[in-house]
Amino acid sequence: MTARERAGIVALMKREVVPAIGCTEPAAVALCVARAREVLGEVPSRIEVLLSANMLKNAMGVGIPGTGMIGLPVAVALGALVGKSGYGLEVLKDTTPQAVERAREMIDARAIRIALKEGIAEKLYVEVLCTGRDGQSRAVIAGGHTRFVHLSCGEKVLLDLETGTGGEEDAQAPELDLRRVYDFALSAPLDEIRFILESGRLNMAAAERSFEGHYGHELGRVLRSRVEERVMGESIFSHILSYTSAACDARMAGAPIPVMSNSGSGNQGIAATVPVVVYARECGAAEEELIRALVLSHLTVIYIKQSLGRLSALCGCVVAATGSSCGITYLMGGGYPEVVRAVKNMIANLTGMICDGAKPSCALKLTSGVSTAVLSAMLAIEGKCVTPAEGIIDEDVDRCIRNLTLIGSRGMQETDRLVLEIMTDKE
């Protein structure tokens, strides 16, 4: 692999593995509102937000950091009041109690309208119209949580990519397959990929913070209780489950704790990172082994998401846990054949888990995903693999991955619609 090819993959990873505070869907909405307000030049008197169905689904039931509140209205209000677009997905990190009180007043004044954007195919779409004293601004994010495709104020257009086929970054994204992901992870000079250690630091710190409080369904704390000791004992496996679920507990409950995301999802970042770090730490792996295992995990997730898309009816933990299974397989001493087996075992097991929005119970799904990741890695090391005669598994691992993503992106479209209908029809 040439230095130029490696640089392209490193740049891709640095775009996709970034810090985020809180769920990335309401964060993207707040980011869009903040930018529209900056373009307008004043705090708007009225804000209209139009969202794709998947964005609406993923932002309905999740806590907003630093507010003690759930859902989009407070994220929209804070985006207008204290959001800074320069912070990216940490857009609301300047939130204060005073700002939350002002946000409540804006909500009570019915200054915010949130609705479904009709007639669009894009699953990740945010459109914001901010009205002020003398005019109106418009901002649109599409195709990525921080990817602005339109900015305007009145008749003045500052950015317009809505009619294009994608941004410059999309055109420059390197072509990946699992072999190339593996070769890069194991051969790239350490100085080029050492940055990935920050994902471990951030996401493990989020888990440790969660153990100190009471967040969500407290799955992480329960898994460290006497129940855990009686059922699973003190083991690497139980620690992987407790740390992973704890980080998710805090994030979904709206704790103001940053995590390192992957492909626009904090939970994907957690599931791709924490199991690998815990396994490496408890097995005494060298720093180089940890770095390469984390790169293998994160880049596998990025590769699979390239064909699945950022939002779908398929729970992201399926993809992220597949990445961590690859990383754990490598730490167990496996090579490329074992990594291939682990991926096939994952796809044979978890495919079809639905996404019904971001919420505290996501910790349950992440725990299911990473428990399967460990199981799949163990089987792979023992030479066990689901065969092409079974279900959707193919001899070629990249075709297996494509089968998974086709089911998630095309096959589950009606599932996506029905899930949103069920969620919005509840009293």
Protein backbone atom coordinates (compact mmCIF):
# COMPACT_ATOMS: atom_id res chain seq x y z
CA MET A 1 0.00 0.00 0.00
CA THR A 2 1.46 3.35 -1.03
CA ALA A 3 1.90 6.31 1.29
CA ARG A 4 -0.77 8.17 -0.67
CA GLU A 5 -3.27 5.33 -0.26
CA ARG A 6 -2.53 5.16 3.46
CA ALA A 7 -3.00 8.91 3.77
CA GLY A 8 -6.42 8.61 2.14
CA ILE A 9 -7.52 5.97 4.64
CA VAL A 10 -6.15 7.96 7.58
CA ALA A 11 -8.05 11.04 6.39
CA LEU A 12 -11.22 8.94 6.07
CA MET A 13 -10.83 7.64 9.62
CA LYS A 14 -10.24 11.12 11.00
CA ARG A 15 -13.46 12.30 9.33
CA GLU A 16 -15.51 9.39 10.63
CA VAL A 17 -14.06 8.88 14.13
CA VAL A 18 -14.78 12.16 15.91
CA PRO A 19 -15.90 13.31 19.38
CA ALA A 20 -19.58 13.88 20.08
CA ILE A 21 -21.59 14.94 23.12
CA GLY A 22 -24.99 13.27 23.34
CA CYS A 23 -26.85 11.46 20.60
CA THR A 24 -25.62 12.50 17.17
CA GLU A 25 -29.09 12.95 15.62
CA PRO A 26 -30.30 15.75 17.94
CA ALA A 27 -26.72 17.07 17.87
CA ALA A 28 -26.91 17.32 14.07
CA VAL A 29 -30.24 19.14 14.37
CA ALA A 30 -28.80 21.56 16.95
CA LEU A 31 -25.76 22.05 14.68
CA CYS A 32 -27.99 22.96 11.74
CA VAL A 33 -29.99 25.38 13.90
CA ALA A 34 -26.80 26.98 15.25
CA ARG A 35 -25.46 27.56 11.74
CA ALA A 36 -28.77 28.98 10.53
CA ARG A 37 -28.77 31.38 13.49
CA GLU A 38 -25.17 32.42 12.78
CA VAL A 39 -26.10 33.16 9.17
CA LEU A 40 -29.18 35.09 10.30
CA GLY A 41 -27.09 37.14 12.73
CA GLU A 42 -29.58 37.09 15.61
CA VAL A 43 -31.51 34.73 17.86
CA PRO A 44 -34.58 33.86 15.76
CA SER A 45 -38.12 34.53 16.89
CA ARG A 46 -39.35 31.41 15.08
CA ILE A 47 -37.63 28.16 14.05
CA GLU A 48 -39.02 25.56 11.67
CA VAL A 49 -37.24 22.18 11.47
CA LEU A 50 -38.00 19.59 8.77
CA LEU A 51 -36.51 16.12 9.21
CA SER A 52 -36.28 12.84 7.36
CA ALA A 53 -38.13 9.96 8.97
CA ASN A 54 -34.93 8.30 10.22
CA MET A 55 -33.70 11.51 11.84
CA LEU A 56 -37.06 11.99 13.53
CA LYS A 57 -37.07 8.39 14.77
CA ASN A 58 -33.54 8.58 16.19
CA ALA A 59 -34.06 11.85 18.05
CA MET A 60 -37.45 11.34 19.69
CA GLY A 61 -36.57 9.50 22.89
CA VAL A 62 -33.01 10.39 23.80
CA GLY A 63 -31.76 12.65 26.59
CA ILE A 64 -30.14 15.96 25.70
CA PRO A 65 -26.88 16.54 27.63
CA GLY A 66 -26.96 19.02 30.48
CA THR A 67 -30.72 19.56 30.39
CA GLY A 68 -32.48 16.70 32.13
CA MET A 69 -34.88 16.77 29.18
CA ILE A 70 -35.67 14.40 26.33
CA GLY A 71 -36.24 15.01 22.64
CA LEU A 72 -35.77 17.56 19.90
CA PRO A 73 -37.42 20.81 21.08
CA VAL A 74 -34.78 21.54 23.72
CA ALA A 75 -31.98 20.61 21.29
CA VAL A 76 -33.41 23.05 18.74
CA ALA A 77 -33.81 25.84 21.31
CA LEU A 78 -30.29 25.42 22.69
CA GLY A 79 -28.87 25.30 19.17
CA ALA A 80 -30.40 28.72 18.61
CA LEU A 81 -29.36 30.13 21.98
CA VAL A 82 -25.86 28.80 22.73
CA GLY A 83 -24.93 26.44 19.88
CA LYS A 84 -21.67 27.02 18.01
CA SER A 85 -21.30 25.34 14.62
CA GLY A 86 -17.52 25.35 14.98
CA TYR A 87 -17.84 22.72 17.68
CA GLY A 88 -19.28 20.16 15.25
CA LEU A 89 -21.14 17.39 17.07
CA GLU A 90 -20.13 18.97 20.38
CA VAL A 91 -22.29 21.93 19.35
CA LEU A 92 -24.08 22.18 22.73
CA LYS A 93 -21.07 21.92 25.02
CA ASP A 94 -21.54 25.53 26.26
CA THR A 95 -24.98 24.69 27.70
CA THR A 96 -25.63 26.20 31.14
CA PRO A 97 -28.61 26.02 33.54
CA GLN A 98 -29.49 29.56 32.50
CA ALA A 99 -29.50 28.55 28.84
CA VAL A 100 -31.76 25.59 29.63
CA GLU A 101 -34.23 27.92 31.34
CA ARG A 102 -34.25 30.23 28.31
CA ALA A 103 -34.76 27.17 26.09
CA ARG A 104 -37.81 26.19 28.16
CA GLU A 105 -39.22 29.68 27.65
CA MET A 106 -38.70 29.42 23.88
CA ILE A 107 -40.48 26.05 23.84
CA ASP A 108 -43.37 27.36 25.98
CA ALA A 109 -43.75 30.32 23.60
CA ARG A 110 -44.34 27.83 20.77
CA ALA A 111 -41.53 29.38 18.74
CA ILE A 112 -40.41 25.98 17.45
CA ARG A 113 -42.09 23.75 14.87
CA ILE A 114 -40.74 20.29 14.04
CA ALA A 115 -42.19 18.22 11.21
CA LEU A 116 -41.48 15.40 8.78
CA LYS A 117 -39.93 16.40 5.45
CA GLU A 118 -42.05 14.78 2.78
CA GLY A 119 -40.91 13.47 -0.56
CA ILE A 120 -37.19 12.92 0.06
CA ALA A 121 -35.14 9.74 -0.38
CA GLU A 122 -32.22 10.87 1.80
CA LYS A 123 -32.38 9.18 5.22
CA LEU A 124 -30.18 11.76 6.95
CA TYR A 125 -31.77 15.13 6.25
CA VAL A 126 -32.17 18.26 8.39
CA GLU A 127 -33.65 21.52 7.10
CA VAL A 128 -33.86 24.59 9.34
CA LEU A 129 -35.63 27.87 8.65
CA CYS A 130 -34.88 30.65 11.14
CA THR A 131 -37.02 33.79 11.09
CA GLY A 132 -35.77 37.02 12.63
CA ARG A 133 -36.77 40.68 12.70
CA ASP A 134 -35.73 41.46 9.15
CA GLY A 135 -35.41 38.18 7.31
CA GLN A 136 -35.04 34.45 7.19
CA SER A 137 -32.10 32.05 6.93
CA ARG A 138 -32.06 28.47 5.71
CA ALA A 139 -29.57 25.69 6.47
CA VAL A 140 -29.64 22.08 5.30
CA ILE A 141 -27.57 19.09 6.42
CA ALA A 142 -27.78 15.93 4.31
CA GLY A 143 -25.83 12.73 3.81
CA GLY A 144 -23.71 13.16 6.94
CA HIS A 145 -24.27 14.52 10.44
CA THR A 146 -22.07 17.56 9.83
CA ARG A 147 -22.36 17.84 6.03
CA PHE A 148 -23.98 21.15 5.11
CA VAL A 149 -25.40 21.22 1.59
CA HIS A 150 -27.19 24.58 1.72
CA LEU A 151 -26.80 27.91 3.51
CA SER A 152 -28.68 31.08 2.65
CA CYS A 153 -29.98 34.27 4.18
CA GLY A 154 -32.81 35.91 2.30
CA GLU A 155 -31.89 35.88 -1.37
CA LYS A 156 -28.17 35.51 -0.68
CA VAL A 157 -26.98 31.90 -1.19
CA LEU A 158 -23.76 31.09 0.66
CA LEU A 159 -23.58 27.36 -0.15
CA ASP A 160 -25.56 25.15 -2.50
CA LEU A 161 -24.69 21.47 -2.95
CA GLU A 162 -28.30 20.26 -2.95
CA THR A 163 -28.34 19.63 -6.69
CA GLY A 164 -24.95 17.89 -6.70
CA THR A 165 -24.11 14.22 -6.31
CA GLY A 166 -21.99 14.60 -3.20
CA GLY A 167 -19.27 16.64 -1.64
CA GLU A 168 -15.56 16.61 -2.40
CA GLU A 169 -14.91 14.29 0.55
CA ASP A 170 -17.32 11.69 -0.88
CA ALA A 171 -15.46 11.64 -4.19
CA GLN A 172 -12.10 11.20 -2.43
CA ALA A 173 -13.18 8.38 -0.07
CA PRO A 174 -10.90 5.39 -0.67
CA GLU A 175 -12.33 2.09 -1.94
CA LEU A 176 -12.27 -0.52 0.81
CA ASP A 177 -12.75 -4.24 1.19
CA LEU A 178 -12.06 -6.38 4.24
CA ARG A 179 -8.63 -7.50 3.03
CA ARG A 180 -7.55 -3.91 2.49
CA VAL A 181 -8.92 -2.92 5.91
CA TYR A 182 -6.95 -5.74 7.54
CA ASP A 183 -3.72 -5.01 5.65
CA PHE A 184 -3.88 -1.32 6.52
CA ALA A 185 -4.53 -2.00 10.21
CA LEU A 186 -1.58 -4.36 10.47
CA SER A 187 0.95 -2.55 8.26
CA ALA A 188 0.40 1.20 8.66
CA PRO A 189 3.24 2.96 10.52
CA LEU A 190 2.23 3.47 14.14
CA ASP A 191 2.82 7.22 14.02
CA GLU A 192 0.13 7.48 11.32
CA ILE A 193 -2.53 5.64 13.32
CA ARG A 194 -1.68 6.36 16.96
CA PHE A 195 -4.48 8.95 17.05
CA ILE A 196 -6.98 6.08 17.41
CA LEU A 197 -5.94 5.67 21.06
CA GLU A 198 -7.98 8.79 21.84
CA SER A 199 -11.13 6.80 21.07
CA GLY A 200 -10.19 4.37 23.81
CA ARG A 201 -9.43 7.13 26.30
CA LEU A 202 -12.70 8.98 25.70
CA ASN A 203 -15.02 5.98 25.61
CA MET A 204 -13.50 4.23 28.61
CA ALA A 205 -13.71 7.52 30.55
CA ALA A 206 -17.42 7.70 29.66
CA ALA A 207 -17.92 4.21 31.10
CA GLU A 208 -16.06 5.08 34.30
CA ARG A 209 -18.14 8.24 34.73
CA SER A 210 -21.30 6.21 34.23
CA PHE A 211 -20.40 3.83 37.06
CA GLU A 212 -20.30 6.84 39.39
CA GLY A 213 -23.88 7.94 38.62
CA HIS A 214 -27.34 6.65 37.84
CA TYR A 215 -28.02 6.79 34.12
CA GLY A 216 -30.66 5.23 31.91
CA HIS A 217 -31.53 1.67 32.86
CA GLU A 218 -28.19 1.36 34.71
CA LEU A 219 -27.31 -1.82 32.84
CA GLY A 220 -23.60 -1.21 33.33
CA ARG A 221 -24.02 -0.93 37.10
CA VAL A 222 -26.25 -4.01 37.26
CA LEU A 223 -23.63 -6.04 35.41
CA ARG A 224 -21.10 -5.12 38.12
CA SER A 225 -23.41 -6.15 40.95
CA ARG A 226 -23.72 -9.41 42.87
CA VAL A 227 -26.04 -10.68 40.15
CA GLU A 228 -23.16 -10.53 37.70
CA GLU A 229 -20.85 -12.34 40.10
CA ARG A 230 -23.35 -15.16 40.63
CA VAL A 231 -24.26 -15.60 36.95
CA MET A 232 -21.08 -14.74 35.02
CA GLY A 233 -18.37 -14.31 37.61
CA GLU A 234 -15.49 -11.85 37.34
CA SER A 235 -14.25 -12.31 33.78
CA ILE A 236 -13.05 -10.47 30.71
CA PHE A 237 -16.43 -11.20 29.17
CA SER A 238 -18.45 -9.68 32.02
CA HIS A 239 -16.17 -6.63 32.08
CA ILE A 240 -16.60 -6.10 28.33
CA LEU A 241 -20.39 -6.14 28.78
CA SER A 242 -20.46 -3.86 31.83
CA TYR A 243 -18.10 -1.21 30.44
CA THR A 244 -19.78 -1.11 27.02
CA SER A 245 -23.30 -0.83 28.43
CA ALA A 246 -22.23 1.74 31.03
CA ALA A 247 -20.87 4.13 28.39
CA CYS A 248 -24.11 3.78 26.45
CA ASP A 249 -26.23 4.23 29.62
CA ALA A 250 -24.69 7.64 30.26
CA ARG A 251 -24.77 8.80 26.66
CA MET A 252 -28.40 7.89 25.98
CA ALA A 253 -29.53 9.40 29.29
CA GLY A 254 -28.10 12.76 28.25
CA ALA A 255 -25.02 12.93 30.47
CA PRO A 256 -22.69 15.73 29.31
CA ILE A 257 -19.91 13.24 28.64
CA PRO A 258 -18.09 13.22 25.29
CA VAL A 259 -17.58 9.94 23.43
CA MET A 260 -15.71 9.10 20.25
CA SER A 261 -18.23 8.33 17.53
CA ASN A 262 -17.89 6.26 14.38
CA SER A 263 -19.70 7.05 11.11
CA GLY A 264 -21.92 9.58 12.87
CA SER A 265 -22.93 7.41 15.83
CA GLY A 266 -21.63 7.56 19.38
CA ASN A 267 -23.03 4.13 20.18
CA GLN A 268 -21.20 2.68 17.19
CA GLY A 269 -18.04 4.34 18.44
CA ILE A 270 -18.54 2.84 21.90
CA ALA A 271 -19.23 -0.66 20.59
CA ALA A 272 -16.24 -0.50 18.23
CA THR A 273 -13.89 0.69 20.98
CA VAL A 274 -14.70 -0.44 24.51
CA PRO A 275 -14.73 -4.25 24.01
CA VAL A 276 -11.35 -4.06 22.26
CA VAL A 277 -9.80 -1.86 24.97
CA VAL A 278 -11.11 -4.01 27.82
CA TYR A 279 -9.88 -7.22 26.17
CA ALA A 280 -6.45 -5.71 25.43
CA ARG A 281 -6.09 -4.29 28.93
CA GLU A 282 -7.01 -7.50 30.71
CA CYS A 283 -4.86 -9.70 28.48
CA GLY A 284 -1.81 -7.46 28.81
CA ALA A 285 -1.62 -6.57 25.13
CA ALA A 286 1.15 -4.22 24.02
CA GLU A 287 0.27 -0.68 22.95
CA GLU A 288 0.99 -1.50 19.30
CA GLU A 289 -1.43 -4.44 19.44
CA LEU A 290 -4.13 -2.22 20.93
CA ILE A 291 -3.61 0.45 18.27
CA ARG A 292 -3.84 -2.05 15.43
CA ALA A 293 -6.86 -3.79 16.95
CA LEU A 294 -8.70 -0.47 17.34
CA VAL A 295 -7.88 0.56 13.77
CA LEU A 296 -9.11 -2.82 12.50
CA SER A 297 -12.34 -2.44 14.47
CA HIS A 298 -13.10 1.17 13.55
CA LEU A 299 -12.14 0.82 9.89
CA THR A 300 -14.26 -2.32 9.51
CA VAL A 301 -17.24 -0.34 10.78
CA ILE A 302 -16.52 2.50 8.36
CA TYR A 303 -16.22 0.02 5.48
CA ILE A 304 -19.55 -1.68 6.23
CA LYS A 305 -21.33 1.66 6.72
CA GLN A 306 -20.19 2.82 3.29
CA SER A 307 -22.74 0.48 1.68
CA LEU A 308 -25.30 0.40 4.50
CA GLY A 309 -25.66 4.18 4.84
CA ARG A 310 -25.53 6.28 7.99
CA LEU A 311 -29.13 5.65 9.06
CA SER A 312 -31.19 2.56 8.37
CA ALA A 313 -33.68 0.14 9.88
CA LEU A 314 -30.76 -2.08 10.92
CA CYS A 315 -29.40 -1.35 14.41
CA GLY A 316 -25.90 0.12 14.21
CA CYS A 317 -24.69 -2.21 16.96
CA VAL A 318 -24.71 -5.04 14.40
CA VAL A 319 -22.06 -3.22 12.36
CA ALA A 320 -20.07 -1.83 15.29
CA ALA A 321 -19.95 -5.17 17.11
CA THR A 322 -18.72 -6.79 13.91
CA GLY A 323 -15.81 -4.34 13.98
CA SER A 324 -15.00 -5.10 17.61
CA SER A 325 -15.19 -8.84 16.90
CA CYS A 326 -12.46 -8.36 14.29
CA GLY A 327 -10.33 -6.41 16.76
CA ILE A 328 -10.77 -9.03 19.50
CA THR A 329 -10.01 -11.84 17.04
CA TYR A 330 -6.71 -10.14 16.20
CA LEU A 331 -5.89 -9.72 19.90
CA MET A 332 -6.62 -13.44 20.43
CA GLY A 333 -3.86 -14.19 17.92
CA GLY A 334 -5.97 -14.55 14.81
CA GLY A 335 -4.91 -13.61 11.30
CA TYR A 336 -6.94 -12.67 8.27
CA PRO A 337 -8.66 -16.10 7.89
CA GLU A 338 -9.85 -15.88 11.50
CA VAL A 339 -11.08 -12.30 11.03
CA VAL A 340 -13.08 -13.47 7.99
CA ARG A 341 -14.65 -16.22 10.09
CA ALA A 342 -15.56 -13.76 12.83
CA VAL A 343 -17.32 -11.46 10.33
CA LYS A 344 -19.30 -14.35 8.84
CA ASN A 345 -20.30 -15.58 12.31
CA MET A 346 -21.53 -12.09 13.21
CA ILE A 347 -23.58 -11.69 10.04
CA ALA A 348 -25.13 -15.13 10.48
CA ASN A 349 -26.23 -14.22 14.01
CA LEU A 350 -27.30 -10.58 14.42
CA THR A 351 -28.61 -9.56 10.98
CA GLY A 352 -32.13 -8.16 11.28
CA MET A 353 -31.93 -6.42 14.66
CA ILE A 354 -34.12 -3.35 14.22
CA CYS A 355 -33.32 0.26 15.01
CA ASP A 356 -36.24 1.88 16.84
CA GLY A 357 -34.52 5.15 17.60
CA ALA A 358 -31.92 6.40 20.05
CA LYS A 359 -32.95 5.87 23.67
CA PRO A 360 -31.71 4.46 27.00
CA SER A 361 -32.54 0.87 26.03
CA CYS A 362 -29.90 1.04 23.28
CA ALA A 363 -27.56 -0.17 26.04
CA LEU A 364 -29.37 -3.52 25.90
CA LYS A 365 -28.76 -3.83 22.17
CA LEU A 366 -25.11 -2.85 22.44
CA THR A 367 -24.63 -5.49 25.12
CA SER A 368 -26.25 -8.12 22.89
CA GLY A 369 -24.01 -7.03 20.03
CA VAL A 370 -20.71 -7.14 21.90
CA SER A 371 -21.55 -10.43 23.61
CA THR A 372 -22.02 -11.88 20.13
CA ALA A 373 -18.74 -10.25 19.09
CA VAL A 374 -16.83 -12.18 21.74
CA LEU A 375 -18.63 -15.42 20.88
CA SER A 376 -17.91 -14.97 17.16
CA ALA A 377 -14.23 -14.29 17.83
CA MET A 378 -13.91 -17.38 20.05
CA LEU A 379 -15.50 -19.58 17.39
CA ALA A 380 -13.27 -18.07 14.69
CA ILE A 381 -10.11 -18.78 16.67
CA GLU A 382 -11.26 -22.39 17.04
CA GLY A 383 -11.70 -22.63 13.27
CA LYS A 384 -15.50 -22.60 13.45
CA CYS A 385 -17.44 -20.62 10.86
CA VAL A 386 -20.96 -20.54 9.45
CA THR A 387 -20.81 -22.05 5.96
CA PRO A 388 -22.05 -20.74 2.58
CA ALA A 389 -24.73 -23.45 2.65
CA GLU A 390 -26.42 -21.57 5.50
CA GLY A 391 -28.73 -18.59 5.04
CA ILE A 392 -27.23 -15.37 3.75
CA ILE A 393 -23.59 -16.39 4.20
CA ASP A 394 -21.45 -16.44 1.05
CA GLU A 395 -18.00 -17.91 0.45
CA ASP A 396 -16.67 -14.40 -0.23
CA VAL A 397 -16.68 -12.28 2.93
CA ASP A 398 -17.25 -9.01 1.11
CA ARG A 399 -20.37 -10.50 -0.50
CA CYS A 400 -21.50 -11.50 3.00
CA ILE A 401 -21.10 -7.89 4.07
CA ARG A 402 -23.01 -6.71 1.01
CA ASN A 403 -25.80 -9.18 1.81
CA LEU A 404 -26.02 -7.66 5.29
CA THR A 405 -26.13 -4.10 4.00
CA LEU A 406 -28.65 -4.91 1.26
CA ILE A 407 -31.00 -6.33 3.88
CA GLY A 408 -30.49 -3.26 6.09
CA SER A 409 -30.77 -0.63 3.35
CA ARG A 410 -33.30 -2.14 0.93
CA GLY A 411 -34.92 -5.16 2.51
CA MET A 412 -35.93 -3.43 5.74
CA GLN A 413 -37.43 -0.27 4.23
CA GLU A 414 -40.96 -1.33 5.14
CA THR A 415 -39.72 -2.22 8.64
CA ASP A 416 -38.35 1.32 8.95
CA ARG A 417 -41.67 2.83 7.93
CA LEU A 418 -43.65 0.61 10.29
CA VAL A 419 -41.32 1.28 13.25
CA LEU A 420 -41.76 5.03 12.82
CA GLU A 421 -45.53 4.61 12.50
CA ILE A 422 -45.65 2.63 15.75
CA MET A 423 -43.47 5.17 17.55
CA THR A 424 -45.46 8.20 16.42
CA ASP A 425 -48.83 6.56 17.09
CA LYS A 426 -48.13 6.00 20.79
CA GLU A 427 -50.01 8.23 23.20
